[in-house]
Every structure is written in C-alpha cells, then in structure tokens.
N, C-alpha and C. Protein backbone atom coordinates (compact mmCIF):
# COMPACT_ATOMS: atom_id res chain seq x y z
N MET A 1 135.26 96.79 132.35
CA MET A 1 134.98 97.33 131.12
C MET A 1 136.03 97.81 130.36
N ARG A 2 135.74 98.18 129.12
CA ARG A 2 136.81 98.77 128.35
C ARG A 2 136.44 99.86 127.80
N ALA A 3 137.60 100.78 127.67
CA ALA A 3 137.09 102.32 127.08
C ALA A 3 136.99 102.29 125.45
N PHE A 4 136.13 103.19 124.99
CA PHE A 4 136.16 103.18 123.57
C PHE A 4 137.25 104.29 123.47
N SER A 5 137.92 104.39 122.33
CA SER A 5 138.71 105.25 122.08
C SER A 5 138.26 106.45 120.96
N VAL A 6 137.27 107.07 121.37
CA VAL A 6 136.26 107.66 120.16
C VAL A 6 136.24 109.29 120.48
N ARG A 7 136.40 110.20 119.33
CA ARG A 7 136.64 111.51 119.91
C ARG A 7 135.07 112.00 120.07
N HIS A 8 134.66 113.41 120.33
CA HIS A 8 133.46 113.16 120.12
C HIS A 8 133.12 114.92 120.05
N ALA A 9 132.49 115.53 119.25
CA ALA A 9 132.24 116.88 118.70
C ALA A 9 131.76 117.67 120.00
N ASP A 10 132.53 118.99 119.91
CA ASP A 10 131.81 119.59 121.20
C ASP A 10 130.48 120.08 121.80
N SER A 11 129.97 119.65 120.79
CA SER A 11 128.14 119.70 120.70
C SER A 11 127.65 118.41 121.31
N GLN A 12 128.26 117.40 121.40
CA GLN A 12 127.78 116.33 122.00
C GLN A 12 128.45 116.26 123.49
N HIS A 13 129.66 117.06 123.76
CA HIS A 13 130.15 117.17 125.09
C HIS A 13 128.94 117.78 125.87
N LEU A 14 128.43 119.02 125.24
CA LEU A 14 127.48 119.96 125.76
C LEU A 14 126.48 119.61 125.87
N LYS A 15 125.67 118.50 125.22
CA LYS A 15 124.66 117.88 125.46
C LYS A 15 124.51 116.72 126.54
N VAL A 16 125.94 115.83 126.52
CA VAL A 16 126.17 114.98 127.68
C VAL A 16 126.39 116.26 129.17
N ASP A 17 126.51 116.97 129.17
CA ASP A 17 127.12 118.02 130.27
C ASP A 17 125.48 118.74 130.87
N ASP A 18 124.68 119.03 130.09
CA ASP A 18 123.36 119.41 130.19
C ASP A 18 122.40 118.29 130.29
N LEU A 19 122.40 117.18 130.00
CA LEU A 19 121.58 116.14 130.66
C LEU A 19 122.54 115.63 132.03
N MET A 20 123.88 115.75 132.23
CA MET A 20 124.06 115.85 133.70
C MET A 20 123.66 116.16 134.62
N SER A 21 123.16 117.68 134.10
CA SER A 21 122.67 118.80 134.95
C SER A 21 121.56 118.27 135.90
N ILE A 22 120.44 117.88 134.52
CA ILE A 22 119.16 117.81 134.49
C ILE A 22 118.80 116.58 134.87
N LEU A 23 119.48 115.42 134.84
CA LEU A 23 119.17 114.12 135.43
C LEU A 23 120.31 113.97 136.69
N GLY A 24 121.06 115.03 137.15
CA GLY A 24 121.58 114.67 138.53
C GLY A 24 122.45 113.25 138.46
N CYS A 25 123.08 112.97 137.46
CA CYS A 25 123.99 111.75 137.70
C CYS A 25 125.71 112.52 136.62
N ASP A 26 126.49 111.61 136.98
CA ASP A 26 127.79 111.66 136.12
C ASP A 26 127.83 110.97 134.67
N LYS A 27 128.82 111.83 134.15
CA LYS A 27 129.05 111.58 132.46
C LYS A 27 129.03 110.39 132.23
N SER A 28 130.02 109.27 132.91
CA SER A 28 129.19 107.93 132.78
C SER A 28 128.32 107.41 132.24
N THR A 29 127.64 107.73 133.18
CA THR A 29 126.21 107.16 133.60
C THR A 29 125.21 107.61 131.98
N VAL A 30 125.26 109.18 131.96
CA VAL A 30 124.91 109.53 130.60
C VAL A 30 125.09 109.03 129.10
N VAL A 31 126.35 108.69 128.90
CA VAL A 31 126.99 108.06 128.06
C VAL A 31 126.97 106.30 127.80
N ARG A 32 127.02 105.61 129.01
CA ARG A 32 126.54 104.68 128.97
C ARG A 32 125.27 104.39 128.46
N ALA A 33 124.27 105.32 128.89
CA ALA A 33 122.67 105.08 128.38
C ALA A 33 122.44 105.47 127.28
N ALA A 34 123.36 106.29 127.05
CA ALA A 34 123.19 107.24 125.45
C ALA A 34 123.92 106.00 124.66
N LEU A 35 124.54 105.35 125.02
CA LEU A 35 125.10 104.35 123.81
C LEU A 35 124.33 103.14 123.88
N TRP A 36 123.61 102.73 125.04
CA TRP A 36 122.82 101.55 124.91
C TRP A 36 121.34 101.95 123.93
N TYR A 37 120.78 102.99 124.67
CA TYR A 37 119.98 103.15 124.07
C TYR A 37 120.11 103.04 122.07
N GLY A 38 120.93 103.75 121.88
CA GLY A 38 121.33 103.75 120.80
C GLY A 38 121.78 102.84 119.92
N LEU A 39 122.72 101.74 120.26
CA LEU A 39 122.49 100.48 120.12
C LEU A 39 121.44 99.44 119.74
N ASN A 40 120.34 99.86 120.88
CA ASN A 40 119.26 99.10 120.90
C ASN A 40 118.44 99.59 119.67
N GLU A 41 118.11 100.59 119.17
CA GLU A 41 117.63 101.15 118.27
C GLU A 41 118.22 100.68 116.92
N ILE A 42 119.51 100.86 116.74
CA ILE A 42 120.27 100.19 115.67
C ILE A 42 119.68 98.95 115.25
N CYS A 43 119.95 98.24 116.30
CA CYS A 43 119.88 96.60 116.36
C CYS A 43 118.13 96.49 116.18
N LYS A 44 117.39 97.31 116.25
CA LYS A 44 115.87 97.14 115.97
C LYS A 44 116.04 97.20 114.40
N ASP A 45 116.36 98.56 113.92
CA ASP A 45 116.36 99.22 112.55
C ASP A 45 117.19 98.14 111.59
N VAL A 46 118.06 97.66 112.31
CA VAL A 46 118.57 96.81 111.10
C VAL A 46 117.83 95.14 111.11
N ASN A 47 117.37 95.01 111.96
CA ASN A 47 116.23 93.55 111.69
C ASN A 47 115.37 93.83 110.80
N ALA A 48 114.73 95.47 110.70
CA ALA A 48 113.68 95.33 109.99
C ALA A 48 114.18 95.97 108.57
N ASP A 49 115.22 96.75 108.40
CA ASP A 49 115.67 97.10 107.24
C ASP A 49 117.42 97.34 106.99
N ARG A 50 117.47 96.57 106.90
CA ARG A 50 119.58 96.41 106.77
C ARG A 50 119.87 97.85 106.04
N GLU A 51 119.27 97.69 104.83
CA GLU A 51 119.88 99.08 103.86
C GLU A 51 119.45 100.62 104.36
N LYS A 52 118.59 100.44 104.87
CA LYS A 52 117.97 101.76 105.25
C LYS A 52 118.65 102.22 106.49
N THR A 53 118.90 101.02 107.43
CA THR A 53 119.52 101.36 108.90
C THR A 53 121.31 101.64 108.36
N ILE A 54 121.93 101.16 107.58
CA ILE A 54 122.99 101.54 107.13
C ILE A 54 123.02 103.56 106.55
N GLU A 55 122.11 103.40 105.76
CA GLU A 55 122.20 104.88 105.24
C GLU A 55 121.80 105.84 106.79
N LYS A 56 120.53 105.58 107.38
CA LYS A 56 120.72 106.33 108.44
C LYS A 56 122.06 106.14 110.18
N VAL A 57 122.57 105.18 109.95
CA VAL A 57 124.32 105.24 110.42
C VAL A 57 124.82 106.17 109.85
N ALA A 58 125.05 106.62 109.03
CA ALA A 58 125.72 107.10 107.85
C ALA A 58 125.33 108.89 108.25
N ILE A 59 123.92 108.92 108.54
CA ILE A 59 123.67 110.15 108.26
C ILE A 59 124.00 110.58 109.82
N ALA A 60 123.55 109.64 110.47
CA ALA A 60 123.53 110.12 111.91
C ALA A 60 125.01 110.52 112.52
N ASN A 61 125.84 109.85 111.71
CA ASN A 61 127.25 109.68 111.91
C ASN A 61 128.12 111.50 111.73
N LEU A 62 127.50 111.69 110.27
CA LEU A 62 127.70 113.04 109.88
C LEU A 62 127.36 114.52 110.80
N LYS A 63 125.86 114.01 111.26
CA LYS A 63 125.28 114.95 111.88
C LYS A 63 126.25 115.21 113.58
N ALA A 64 126.57 113.83 114.06
CA ALA A 64 127.22 113.91 115.33
C ALA A 64 128.46 114.57 115.26
N ARG A 65 129.39 115.07 113.75
CA ARG A 65 130.32 115.74 114.27
C ARG A 65 130.23 117.04 114.02
C-alpha cells in the first residue's frame, strides 16, 4: 500500500479518535473504511449527475477543513 500525503483538520482527527474508541479498532482501519465509503458514494453520485457531484465534493472539501 502507498500512503496519501494529505493533511487533515484537527476536527477530523478527533472524529477518527472517537470512532476508534467506539468501534475498538485502529486508526488505519477507520480511515481506510471512511475513504472507501466516501469514494463509493462519490462514484455513485458522479454517475447520476457529474456537475452536482463536483459541487458536493467542493462543499465537502470546505467543510472538512
């Protein structure tokens, strides 16, 4: 596997830490699952409406900062 070199906001780290505690798994498991779920949802959306998906991704990016 290769690592993504992406920085995340403190709020994202806190959410991951909370999920680790609730689910009883490690950080890599939570982040991989979140990325997988998110990418699958984006793929579904882009097949339905590309322009709307571009907007949704841009908004989600701003919210994640």
